[in-house]
Every structure is written in structure tokens, then in C-alpha cells.
């Protein structure tokens, strides 16, 4: 598992202040998703980790949908900063 591939965009001061913000939650879910993805590349039959990954993906998707409804600018900035593709809107 390569730890350098995870992103650390938010500094320690911002982490303490904004731990409840939507951006921080999406950031932490993205780190968890990348960590679980690299774990599942080694352990393909770890079904509990697969289930956890699907749950975290759903949570992040719901948060991104909420953010896109509330503030398109913040949503676009977060998508580009975290380098995750934009979800398709219905």
C-alpha cells in the first residue's frame, strides 16, 4: 500500500476548525476510498471491505449531490481539487 498517493490538501489548522464542513467530509471520504481501493487490489475477496467501500461511496455521492444543489462554485472547486470526476446530474 502506497501512502504517498493519498492527498493532504487541508492543513492541520483547517482540519480542527472545519471538521464538520461538507468539503472536509468529502475530503476524508475520498482518502478512505483511496485507502480501501488500494487494500482491495491486494485482497480481492475481502467482502466486508467491499461493503464498507460501497457505503462510503454512497455517502460521498450524497454529500456531493447536496453540495452541488447548494453551491455550484464550491462543488466545482472541490471536484477539481480532489481530482474526482463530476457526477452526472439527472
PDB file of N, CA and C in Angstrom:
ATOM      1  N   UNK A   1       0.850  -1.172   0.000  1.00  0.00           N
ATOM      2  CA  UNK A   1       0.000   0.000   0.000  1.00  0.00           C
ATOM      3  C   UNK A   1       0.891   1.229   0.000  1.00  0.00           C
ATOM      4  N   UNK A   2       0.636   2.140  -0.908  1.00  0.00           N
ATOM      5  CA  UNK A   2       1.443   3.338  -1.038  1.00  0.00           C
ATOM      6  C   UNK A   2       0.740   4.484  -0.328  1.00  0.00           C
ATOM      7  N   UNK A   3       1.361   5.006   0.712  1.00  0.00           N
ATOM      8  CA  UNK A   3       0.735   6.071   1.482  1.00  0.00           C
ATOM      9  C   UNK A   3       0.891   7.431   0.823  1.00  0.00           C
ATOM     10  N   UNK A   4       1.857   7.591  -0.060  1.00  0.00           N
ATOM     11  CA  UNK A   4       2.080   8.877  -0.692  1.00  0.00           C
ATOM     12  C   UNK A   4       1.018   9.213  -1.733  1.00  0.00           C
ATOM     13  N   UNK A   5       0.232   8.252  -2.161  1.00  0.00           N
ATOM     14  CA  UNK A   5      -0.774   8.527  -3.170  1.00  0.00           C
ATOM     15  C   UNK A   5      -2.005   9.223  -2.599  1.00  0.00           C
ATOM     16  N   UNK A   6      -2.136   9.270  -1.276  1.00  0.00           N
ATOM     17  CA  UNK A   6      -3.272   9.945  -0.665  1.00  0.00           C
ATOM     18  C   UNK A   6      -3.040  11.450  -0.690  1.00  0.00           C
ATOM     19  N   UNK A   7      -4.106  12.185  -0.746  1.00  0.00           N
ATOM     20  CA  UNK A   7      -3.974  13.625  -0.844  1.00  0.00           C
ATOM     21  C   UNK A   7      -4.153  14.262   0.519  1.00  0.00           C
ATOM     22  N   UNK A   8      -3.364  15.258   0.764  1.00  0.00           N
ATOM     23  CA  UNK A   8      -3.444  16.003   2.015  1.00  0.00           C
ATOM     24  C   UNK A   8      -3.512  17.478   1.657  1.00  0.00           C
ATOM     25  N   UNK A   9      -4.714  17.933   1.313  1.00  0.00           N
ATOM     26  CA  UNK A   9      -4.914  19.287   0.835  1.00  0.00           C
ATOM     27  C   UNK A   9      -5.173  20.230   1.998  1.00  0.00           C
ATOM     28  N   UNK A  10      -5.846  19.739   3.018  1.00  0.00           N
ATOM     29  CA  UNK A  10      -6.271  20.583   4.119  1.00  0.00           C
ATOM     30  C   UNK A  10      -5.213  20.548   5.221  1.00  0.00           C
ATOM     31  N   UNK A  11      -4.814  21.715   5.672  1.00  0.00           N
ATOM     32  CA  UNK A  11      -3.789  21.792   6.704  1.00  0.00           C
ATOM     33  C   UNK A  11      -4.368  21.445   8.071  1.00  0.00           C
ATOM     34  N   UNK A  12      -3.515  21.333   9.064  1.00  0.00           N
ATOM     35  CA  UNK A  12      -3.944  20.939  10.404  1.00  0.00           C
ATOM     36  C   UNK A  12      -4.868  21.984  11.033  1.00  0.00           C
ATOM     37  N   UNK A  13      -4.609  23.280  10.792  1.00  0.00           N
ATOM     38  CA  UNK A  13      -5.464  24.322  11.372  1.00  0.00           C
ATOM     39  C   UNK A  13      -6.873  24.241  10.806  1.00  0.00           C
ATOM     40  N   UNK A  14      -6.969  24.055   9.493  1.00  0.00           N
ATOM     41  CA  UNK A  14      -8.281  23.947   8.864  1.00  0.00           C
ATOM     42  C   UNK A  14      -8.983  22.680   9.313  1.00  0.00           C
ATOM     43  N   UNK A  15      -8.225  21.628   9.556  1.00  0.00           N
ATOM     44  CA  UNK A  15      -8.806  20.354   9.978  1.00  0.00           C
ATOM     45  C   UNK A  15      -9.510  20.511  11.322  1.00  0.00           C
ATOM     46  N   UNK A  16      -8.904  21.253  12.244  1.00  0.00           N
ATOM     47  CA  UNK A  16      -9.505  21.453  13.564  1.00  0.00           C
ATOM     48  C   UNK A  16     -10.734  22.345  13.490  1.00  0.00           C
ATOM     49  N   UNK A  17     -10.695  23.355  12.620  1.00  0.00           N
ATOM     50  CA  UNK A  17     -11.786  24.318  12.552  1.00  0.00           C
ATOM     51  C   UNK A  17     -12.994  23.796  11.773  1.00  0.00           C
ATOM     52  N   UNK A  18     -12.760  23.146  10.644  1.00  0.00           N
ATOM     53  CA  UNK A  18     -13.834  22.818   9.707  1.00  0.00           C
ATOM     54  C   UNK A  18     -14.112  21.329   9.600  1.00  0.00           C
ATOM     55  N   UNK A  19     -14.013  20.599  10.687  1.00  0.00           N
ATOM     56  CA  UNK A  19     -14.178  19.153  10.578  1.00  0.00           C
ATOM     57  C   UNK A  19     -15.607  18.750  10.252  1.00  0.00           C
ATOM     58  N   UNK A  20     -16.560  19.641  10.372  1.00  0.00           N
ATOM     59  CA  UNK A  20     -17.942  19.314  10.059  1.00  0.00           C
ATOM     60  C   UNK A  20     -18.397  19.805   8.707  1.00  0.00           C
ATOM     61  N   UNK A  21     -17.549  20.532   8.000  1.00  0.00           N
ATOM     62  CA  UNK A  21     -17.958  21.085   6.718  1.00  0.00           C
ATOM     63  C   UNK A  21     -18.097  19.976   5.677  1.00  0.00           C
ATOM     64  N   UNK A  22     -18.901  20.248   4.676  1.00  0.00           N
ATOM     65  CA  UNK A  22     -19.148  19.263   3.625  1.00  0.00           C
ATOM     66  C   UNK A  22     -17.852  18.963   2.882  1.00  0.00           C
ATOM     67  N   UNK A  23     -17.049  19.996   2.621  1.00  0.00           N
ATOM     68  CA  UNK A  23     -15.793  19.796   1.896  1.00  0.00           C
ATOM     69  C   UNK A  23     -14.857  18.873   2.659  1.00  0.00           C
ATOM     70  N   UNK A  24     -14.759  19.079   3.971  1.00  0.00           N
ATOM     71  CA  UNK A  24     -13.870  18.233   4.763  1.00  0.00           C
ATOM     72  C   UNK A  24     -14.365  16.794   4.804  1.00  0.00           C
ATOM     73  N   UNK A  25     -15.681  16.607   4.907  1.00  0.00           N
ATOM     74  CA  UNK A  25     -16.225  15.253   4.936  1.00  0.00           C
ATOM     75  C   UNK A  25     -15.966  14.538   3.617  1.00  0.00           C
ATOM     76  N   UNK A  26     -16.148  15.233   2.498  1.00  0.00           N
ATOM     77  CA  UNK A  26     -15.876  14.633   1.188  1.00  0.00           C
ATOM     78  C   UNK A  26     -14.393  14.317   1.064  1.00  0.00           C
ATOM     79  N   UNK A  27     -13.544  15.216   1.568  1.00  0.00           N
ATOM     80  CA  UNK A  27     -12.097  15.001   1.562  1.00  0.00           C
ATOM     81  C   UNK A  27     -11.722  13.752   2.346  1.00  0.00           C
ATOM     82  N   UNK A  28     -12.286  13.589   3.545  1.00  0.00           N
ATOM     83  CA  UNK A  28     -11.944  12.415   4.352  1.00  0.00           C
ATOM     84  C   UNK A  28     -12.504  11.138   3.741  1.00  0.00           C
ATOM     85  N   UNK A  29     -13.708  11.199   3.162  1.00  0.00           N
ATOM     86  CA  UNK A  29     -14.257  10.023   2.485  1.00  0.00           C
ATOM     87  C   UNK A  29     -13.397   9.642   1.276  1.00  0.00           C
ATOM     88  N   UNK A  30     -12.874  10.643   0.556  1.00  0.00           N
ATOM     89  CA  UNK A  30     -12.029  10.369  -0.601  1.00  0.00           C
ATOM     90  C   UNK A  30     -10.749   9.664  -0.174  1.00  0.00           C
ATOM     91  N   UNK A  31     -10.166  10.113   0.943  1.00  0.00           N
ATOM     92  CA  UNK A  31      -8.970   9.436   1.454  1.00  0.00           C
ATOM     93  C   UNK A  31      -9.277   7.993   1.848  1.00  0.00           C
ATOM     94  N   UNK A  32     -10.421   7.776   2.512  1.00  0.00           N
ATOM     95  CA  UNK A  32     -10.808   6.415   2.898  1.00  0.00           C
ATOM     96  C   UNK A  32     -11.048   5.545   1.666  1.00  0.00           C
ATOM     97  N   UNK A  33     -11.678   6.112   0.644  1.00  0.00           N
ATOM     98  CA  UNK A  33     -11.957   5.366  -0.584  1.00  0.00           C
ATOM     99  C   UNK A  33     -10.662   4.948  -1.255  1.00  0.00           C
ATOM    100  N   UNK A  34      -9.708   5.856  -1.331  1.00  0.00           N
ATOM    101  CA  UNK A  34      -8.428   5.522  -1.965  1.00  0.00           C
ATOM    102  C   UNK A  34      -7.669   4.482  -1.163  1.00  0.00           C
ATOM    103  N   UNK A  35      -7.738   4.570   0.161  1.00  0.00           N
ATOM    104  CA  UNK A  35      -7.064   3.587   1.014  1.00  0.00           C
ATOM    105  C   UNK A  35      -7.706   2.212   0.842  1.00  0.00           C
ATOM    106  N   UNK A  36      -9.039   2.153   0.848  1.00  0.00           N
ATOM    107  CA  UNK A  36      -9.729   0.877   0.682  1.00  0.00           C
ATOM    108  C   UNK A  36      -9.514   0.297  -0.717  1.00  0.00           C
ATOM    109  N   UNK A  37      -9.449   1.153  -1.721  1.00  0.00           N
ATOM    110  CA  UNK A  37      -9.219   0.672  -3.077  1.00  0.00           C
ATOM    111  C   UNK A  37      -7.859   0.009  -3.203  1.00  0.00           C
ATOM    112  N   UNK A  38      -6.856   0.631  -2.609  1.00  0.00           N
ATOM    113  CA  UNK A  38      -5.525   0.013  -2.677  1.00  0.00           C
ATOM    114  C   UNK A  38      -5.478  -1.274  -1.854  1.00  0.00           C
ATOM    115  N   UNK A  39      -6.240  -1.341  -0.757  1.00  0.00           N
ATOM    116  CA  UNK A  39      -6.319  -2.570   0.034  1.00  0.00           C
ATOM    117  C   UNK A  39      -6.989  -3.680  -0.770  1.00  0.00           C
ATOM    118  N   UNK A  40      -8.058  -3.329  -1.491  1.00  0.00           N
ATOM    119  CA  UNK A  40      -8.799  -4.340  -2.249  1.00  0.00           C
ATOM    120  C   UNK A  40      -8.049  -4.814  -3.483  1.00  0.00           C
ATOM    121  N   UNK A  41      -7.067  -4.049  -3.952  1.00  0.00           N
ATOM    122  CA  UNK A  41      -6.242  -4.546  -5.049  1.00  0.00           C
ATOM    123  C   UNK A  41      -5.404  -5.732  -4.596  1.00  0.00           C
ATOM    124  N   UNK A  42      -5.026  -5.744  -3.319  1.00  0.00           N
ATOM    125  CA  UNK A  42      -4.248  -6.860  -2.779  1.00  0.00           C
ATOM    126  C   UNK A  42      -5.139  -8.002  -2.293  1.00  0.00           C
ATOM    127  N   UNK A  43      -6.267  -7.660  -1.682  1.00  0.00           N
ATOM    128  CA  UNK A  43      -7.162  -8.649  -1.077  1.00  0.00           C
ATOM    129  C   UNK A  43      -8.507  -8.613  -1.792  1.00  0.00           C
ATOM    130  N   UNK A  44      -8.591  -9.300  -2.899  1.00  0.00           N
ATOM    131  CA  UNK A  44      -9.781  -9.233  -3.747  1.00  0.00           C
ATOM    132  C   UNK A  44     -11.031  -9.843  -3.116  1.00  0.00           C
ATOM    133  N   UNK A  45     -10.872 -10.791  -2.228  1.00  0.00           N
ATOM    134  CA  UNK A  45     -12.033 -11.473  -1.664  1.00  0.00           C
ATOM    135  C   UNK A  45     -12.430 -10.958  -0.289  1.00  0.00           C
ATOM    136  N   UNK A  46     -11.982  -9.779   0.064  1.00  0.00           N
ATOM    137  CA  UNK A  46     -12.341  -9.174   1.336  1.00  0.00           C
ATOM    138  C   UNK A  46     -13.696  -8.487   1.166  1.00  0.00           C
ATOM    139  N   UNK A  47     -14.765  -9.251   1.359  1.00  0.00           N
ATOM    140  CA  UNK A  47     -16.100  -8.764   1.048  1.00  0.00           C
ATOM    141  C   UNK A  47     -16.584  -7.722   2.046  1.00  0.00           C
ATOM    142  N   UNK A  48     -16.133  -7.770   3.277  1.00  0.00           N
ATOM    143  CA  UNK A  48     -16.543  -6.750   4.247  1.00  0.00           C
ATOM    144  C   UNK A  48     -15.952  -5.395   3.886  1.00  0.00           C
ATOM    145  N   UNK A  49     -14.735  -5.384   3.413  1.00  0.00           N
ATOM    146  CA  UNK A  49     -14.136  -4.124   2.969  1.00  0.00           C
ATOM    147  C   UNK A  49     -14.826  -3.611   1.709  1.00  0.00           C
ATOM    148  N   UNK A  50     -15.262  -4.519   0.840  1.00  0.00           N
ATOM    149  CA  UNK A  50     -16.002  -4.108  -0.355  1.00  0.00           C
ATOM    150  C   UNK A  50     -17.314  -3.450   0.042  1.00  0.00           C
ATOM    151  N   UNK A  51     -17.963  -4.015   1.044  1.00  0.00           N
ATOM    152  CA  UNK A  51     -19.228  -3.440   1.513  1.00  0.00           C
ATOM    153  C   UNK A  51     -19.000  -2.068   2.127  1.00  0.00           C
ATOM    154  N   UNK A  52     -17.938  -1.938   2.917  1.00  0.00           N
ATOM    155  CA  UNK A  52     -17.609  -0.648   3.501  1.00  0.00           C
ATOM    156  C   UNK A  52     -17.285   0.389   2.444  1.00  0.00           C
ATOM    157  N   UNK A  53     -16.599  -0.030   1.393  1.00  0.00           N
ATOM    158  CA  UNK A  53     -16.275   0.878   0.300  1.00  0.00           C
ATOM    159  C   UNK A  53     -17.546   1.366  -0.390  1.00  0.00           C
ATOM    160  N   UNK A  54     -18.480   0.450  -0.634  1.00  0.00           N
ATOM    161  CA  UNK A  54     -19.737   0.856  -1.272  1.00  0.00           C
ATOM    162  C   UNK A  54     -20.530   1.823  -0.397  1.00  0.00           C
ATOM    163  N   UNK A  55     -20.511   1.617   0.915  1.00  0.00           N
ATOM    164  CA  UNK A  55     -21.217   2.523   1.817  1.00  0.00           C
ATOM    165  C   UNK A  55     -20.593   3.911   1.809  1.00  0.00           C
ATOM    166  N   UNK A  56     -19.259   3.966   1.833  1.00  0.00           N
ATOM    167  CA  UNK A  56     -18.573   5.255   1.827  1.00  0.00           C
ATOM    168  C   UNK A  56     -18.780   5.968   0.492  1.00  0.00           C
ATOM    169  N   UNK A  57     -18.785   5.206  -0.605  1.00  0.00           N
ATOM    170  CA  UNK A  57     -19.051   5.802  -1.920  1.00  0.00           C
ATOM    171  C   UNK A  57     -20.439   6.434  -1.963  1.00  0.00           C
ATOM    172  N   UNK A  58     -21.418   5.759  -1.380  1.00  0.00           N
ATOM    173  CA  UNK A  58     -22.774   6.300  -1.347  1.00  0.00           C
ATOM    174  C   UNK A  58     -22.865   7.556  -0.506  1.00  0.00           C
ATOM    175  N   UNK A  59     -22.184   7.567   0.631  1.00  0.00           N
ATOM    176  CA  UNK A  59     -22.189   8.758   1.478  1.00  0.00           C
ATOM    177  C   UNK A  59     -21.561   9.943   0.763  1.00  0.00           C
ATOM    178  N   UNK A  60     -20.416   9.683   0.098  1.00  0.00           N
ATOM    179  CA  UNK A  60     -19.747  10.766  -0.617  1.00  0.00           C
ATOM    180  C   UNK A  60     -20.613  11.263  -1.765  1.00  0.00           C
ATOM    181  N   UNK A  61     -21.291  10.346  -2.444  1.00  0.00           N
ATOM    182  CA  UNK A  61     -22.154  10.740  -3.554  1.00  0.00           C
ATOM    183  C   UNK A  61     -23.304  11.624  -3.066  1.00  0.00           C
ATOM    184  N   UNK A  62     -23.897  11.268  -1.925  1.00  0.00           N
ATOM    185  CA  UNK A  62     -24.982  12.084  -1.374  1.00  0.00           C
ATOM    186  C   UNK A  62     -24.487  13.460  -0.949  1.00  0.00           C
ATOM    187  N   UNK A  63     -23.299  13.513  -0.329  1.00  0.00           N
ATOM    188  CA  UNK A  63     -22.751  14.810   0.064  1.00  0.00           C
ATOM    189  C   UNK A  63     -22.435  15.681  -1.149  1.00  0.00           C
ATOM    190  N   UNK A  64     -21.905  15.077  -2.204  1.00  0.00           N
ATOM    191  CA  UNK A  64     -21.610  15.849  -3.412  1.00  0.00           C
ATOM    192  C   UNK A  64     -22.892  16.341  -4.082  1.00  0.00           C
ATOM    193  N   UNK A  65     -23.945  15.536  -4.047  1.00  0.00           N
ATOM    194  CA  UNK A  65     -25.224  15.973  -4.605  1.00  0.00           C
ATOM    195  C   UNK A  65     -25.788  17.144  -3.807  1.00  0.00           C
ATOM    196  N   UNK A  66     -25.665  17.086  -2.495  1.00  0.00           N
ATOM    197  CA  UNK A  66     -26.119  18.182  -1.629  1.00  0.00           C
ATOM    198  C   UNK A  66     -25.329  19.451  -1.938  1.00  0.00           C
ATOM    199  N   UNK A  67     -24.009  19.316  -2.041  1.00  0.00           N
ATOM    200  CA  UNK A  67     -23.164  20.482  -2.290  1.00  0.00           C
ATOM    201  C   UNK A  67     -23.438  21.075  -3.667  1.00  0.00           C
ATOM    202  N   UNK A  68     -23.704  20.241  -4.653  1.00  0.00           N
ATOM    203  CA  UNK A  68     -23.979  20.766  -5.997  1.00  0.00           C
ATOM    204  C   UNK A  68     -25.301  21.527  -6.031  1.00  0.00           C
ATOM    205  N   UNK A  69     -26.259  21.121  -5.196  1.00  0.00           N
ATOM    206  CA  UNK A  69     -27.529  21.855  -5.133  1.00  0.00           C
ATOM    207  C   UNK A  69     -27.355  23.193  -4.420  1.00  0.00           C
ATOM    208  N   UNK A  70     -26.548  23.206  -3.361  1.00  0.00           N
ATOM    209  CA  UNK A  70     -26.415  24.408  -2.540  1.00  0.00           C
ATOM    210  C   UNK A  70     -25.463  25.429  -3.148  1.00  0.00           C
ATOM    211  N   UNK A  71     -24.330  24.975  -3.662  1.00  0.00           N
ATOM    212  CA  UNK A  71     -23.331  25.911  -4.162  1.00  0.00           C
ATOM    213  C   UNK A  71     -22.525  25.263  -5.289  1.00  0.00           C
ATOM    214  N   UNK A  72     -22.846  25.648  -6.525  1.00  0.00           N
ATOM    215  CA  UNK A  72     -22.158  25.076  -7.681  1.00  0.00           C
ATOM    216  C   UNK A  72     -20.673  25.428  -7.698  1.00  0.00           C
ATOM    217  N   UNK A  73     -20.339  26.632  -7.264  1.00  0.00           N
ATOM    218  CA  UNK A  73     -18.941  27.061  -7.282  1.00  0.00           C
ATOM    219  C   UNK A  73     -18.077  26.240  -6.352  1.00  0.00           C
ATOM    220  N   UNK A  74     -18.552  26.041  -5.124  1.00  0.00           N
ATOM    221  CA  UNK A  74     -17.809  25.234  -4.156  1.00  0.00           C
ATOM    222  C   UNK A  74     -17.700  23.794  -4.632  1.00  0.00           C
ATOM    223  N   UNK A  75     -18.765  23.306  -5.270  1.00  0.00           N
ATOM    224  CA  UNK A  75     -18.783  21.934  -5.785  1.00  0.00           C
ATOM    225  C   UNK A  75     -17.726  21.756  -6.877  1.00  0.00           C
ATOM    226  N   UNK A  76     -17.702  22.667  -7.846  1.00  0.00           N
ATOM    227  CA  UNK A  76     -16.741  22.571  -8.949  1.00  0.00           C
ATOM    228  C   UNK A  76     -15.312  22.673  -8.434  1.00  0.00           C
ATOM    229  N   UNK A  77     -15.071  23.569  -7.459  1.00  0.00           N
ATOM    230  CA  UNK A  77     -13.725  23.721  -6.901  1.00  0.00           C
ATOM    231  C   UNK A  77     -13.288  22.441  -6.191  1.00  0.00           C
ATOM    232  N   UNK A  78     -14.188  21.841  -5.419  1.00  0.00           N
ATOM    233  CA  UNK A  78     -13.865  20.617  -4.685  1.00  0.00           C
ATOM    234  C   UNK A  78     -13.585  19.462  -5.634  1.00  0.00           C
ATOM    235  N   UNK A  79     -14.387  19.336  -6.677  1.00  0.00           N
ATOM    236  CA  UNK A  79     -14.196  18.272  -7.661  1.00  0.00           C
ATOM    237  C   UNK A  79     -12.828  18.404  -8.322  1.00  0.00           C
ATOM    238  N   UNK A  80     -12.473  19.615  -8.701  1.00  0.00           N
ATOM    239  CA  UNK A  80     -11.185  19.804  -9.378  1.00  0.00           C
ATOM    240  C   UNK A  80     -10.020  19.632  -8.404  1.00  0.00           C
ATOM    241  N   UNK A  81     -10.184  20.075  -7.158  1.00  0.00           N
ATOM    242  CA  UNK A  81      -9.093  19.976  -6.189  1.00  0.00           C
ATOM    243  C   UNK A  81      -8.833  18.538  -5.779  1.00  0.00           C
ATOM    244  N   UNK A  82      -9.877  17.734  -5.639  1.00  0.00           N
ATOM    245  CA  UNK A  82      -9.708  16.336  -5.236  1.00  0.00           C
ATOM    246  C   UNK A  82      -9.465  15.415  -6.425  1.00  0.00           C
ATOM    247  N   UNK A  83      -9.622  15.938  -7.623  1.00  0.00           N
ATOM    248  CA  UNK A  83      -9.393  15.171  -8.845  1.00  0.00           C
ATOM    249  C   UNK A  83     -10.301  13.943  -8.922  1.00  0.00           C
ATOM    250  N   UNK A  84     -11.585  14.179  -8.647  1.00  0.00           N
ATOM    251  CA  UNK A  84     -12.597  13.142  -8.854  1.00  0.00           C
ATOM    252  C   UNK A  84     -13.537  13.663  -9.932  1.00  0.00           C
ATOM    253  N   UNK A  85     -14.018  12.757 -10.744  1.00  0.00           N
ATOM    254  CA  UNK A  85     -14.806  13.213 -11.873  1.00  0.00           C
ATOM    255  C   UNK A  85     -16.176  13.675 -11.424  1.00  0.00           C
ATOM    256  N   UNK A  86     -16.740  14.539 -12.211  1.00  0.00           N
ATOM    257  CA  UNK A  86     -18.019  15.119 -11.895  1.00  0.00           C
ATOM    258  C   UNK A  86     -19.118  14.089 -12.124  1.00  0.00           C
ATOM    259  N   UNK A  87     -20.024  13.973 -11.160  1.00  0.00           N
ATOM    260  CA  UNK A  87     -21.105  13.009 -11.318  1.00  0.00           C
ATOM    261  C   UNK A  87     -22.136  13.561 -12.281  1.00  0.00           C
ATOM    262  N   UNK A  88     -22.815  12.664 -12.982  1.00  0.00           N
ATOM    263  CA  UNK A  88     -23.810  13.087 -13.951  1.00  0.00           C
ATOM    264  C   UNK A  88     -25.084  13.491 -13.228  1.00  0.00           C
ATOM    265  N   UNK A  89     -25.636  14.628 -13.591  1.00  0.00           N
ATOM    266  CA  UNK A  89     -26.879  15.095 -12.988  1.00  0.00           C
ATOM    267  C   UNK A  89     -28.050  14.565 -13.803  1.00  0.00           C
ATOM    268  N   UNK A  90     -29.167  14.368 -13.144  1.00  0.00           N
ATOM    269  CA  UNK A  90     -30.341  13.807 -13.811  1.00  0.00           C
ATOM    270  C   UNK A  90     -31.134  14.872 -14.487  1.00  0.00           C
TER     271      UNK A  90
END
